[in-house]
Protein backbone atom coordinates (compact mmCIF):
# COMPACT_ATOMS: atom_id res chain seq x y z
CA UNK A 1 30.96 85.93 57.67
CA UNK A 2 31.77 89.61 57.83
CA UNK A 3 35.30 90.63 58.76
CA UNK A 4 37.83 93.39 58.17
CA UNK A 5 40.86 92.60 56.07
CA UNK A 6 43.85 94.88 55.55
CA UNK A 7 45.53 94.20 52.23
CA UNK A 8 48.99 95.25 51.14
CA UNK A 9 48.97 97.44 48.03
CA UNK A 10 50.28 94.66 45.79
CA UNK A 11 47.64 92.16 46.89
CA UNK A 12 44.91 94.77 46.56
CA UNK A 13 46.07 95.29 42.97
CA UNK A 14 45.74 91.54 42.33
CA UNK A 15 42.15 91.62 43.58
CA UNK A 16 41.33 94.73 41.54
CA UNK A 17 42.73 93.06 38.42
CA UNK A 18 40.59 89.97 39.08
CA UNK A 19 37.56 92.20 39.48
CA UNK A 20 38.19 93.86 36.13
CA UNK A 21 39.07 90.65 34.29
CA UNK A 22 36.12 88.62 35.57
CA UNK A 23 33.60 91.40 36.06
CA UNK A 24 32.93 90.41 39.67
CA UNK A 25 32.65 92.25 42.97
CA UNK A 26 35.55 92.84 45.35
CA UNK A 27 34.07 90.23 47.69
CA UNK A 28 33.82 87.61 44.94
CA UNK A 29 37.31 88.34 43.61
CA UNK A 30 38.80 88.05 47.12
CA UNK A 31 36.95 84.80 47.87
CA UNK A 32 38.02 83.33 44.52
CA UNK A 33 41.65 84.31 45.13
CA UNK A 34 41.60 82.63 48.54
CA UNK A 35 40.01 79.49 47.10
CA UNK A 36 42.58 79.39 44.28
CA UNK A 37 45.39 79.45 46.82
CA UNK A 38 43.90 76.96 49.28
CA UNK A 39 46.12 73.90 49.83
CA UNK A 40 44.68 70.58 48.81
CA UNK A 41 42.40 71.98 46.13
CA UNK A 42 42.57 70.18 42.83
CA UNK A 43 40.51 72.27 40.46
CA UNK A 44 43.02 72.00 37.66
CA UNK A 45 44.80 69.34 35.68
CA UNK A 46 48.57 69.60 35.37
CA UNK A 47 49.68 69.36 31.77
CA UNK A 48 53.29 68.58 31.09
CA UNK A 49 54.70 69.94 27.84
CA UNK A 50 55.55 67.28 25.31
CA UNK A 51 57.83 67.15 22.33
CA UNK A 52 57.93 64.96 19.27
CA UNK A 53 60.44 62.15 19.57
CA UNK A 54 63.22 62.39 17.02
CA UNK A 55 64.82 59.04 17.86
CA UNK A 56 62.68 55.95 18.16
CA UNK A 57 64.21 53.25 20.32
CA UNK A 58 62.91 49.78 21.04
CA UNK A 59 62.98 49.89 24.84
CA UNK A 60 63.45 46.14 25.02
CA UNK A 61 66.96 46.79 23.72
CA UNK A 62 67.65 49.82 25.93
CA UNK A 63 70.60 48.24 27.75
CA UNK A 64 72.26 47.28 24.48
CA UNK A 65 71.79 50.80 23.14
CA UNK A 66 73.14 52.34 26.36
CA UNK A 67 76.19 50.08 26.15
CA UNK A 68 76.80 50.95 22.52
CA UNK A 69 76.54 54.69 23.25
CA UNK A 70 78.88 54.34 26.21
CA UNK A 71 81.38 52.41 24.08
CA UNK A 72 81.20 55.09 21.40
CA UNK A 73 81.78 57.85 23.95
CA UNK A 74 84.77 55.97 25.40
CA UNK A 75 86.30 55.54 21.93
CA UNK A 76 85.84 59.27 21.27
CA UNK A 77 87.65 60.08 24.54
CA UNK A 78 90.47 57.69 23.69
CA UNK A 79 90.86 59.24 20.22
CA UNK A 80 90.99 62.68 21.79
CA UNK A 81 93.62 61.50 24.28
CA UNK A 82 91.63 62.33 27.40
C-alpha cells in the first residue's frame, strides 16, 4: 500500500539509523520499525539476568530458616535497645 507519512525529526533519525545499521531502504527500515513495535508480537525471548547463589538453602526447611533469622534479628534489636 502506498501512503504518505509525516515523521517527526526524532523518529526520522531512528529510521535513518536503522537504514545505516542494517543496510536497508527507507521503506524496509520503516516497515521493520513498525513490526518491532506492534503489540502482540513475540519475536524475542525475554532473558532475565541471573546471579550465582552464595547461600544454598534446603527449601524444605525454609520456614525453620526464616524463623531462625527472625529470632536473630529480634535478639539484635533487643541488644541494641530498640
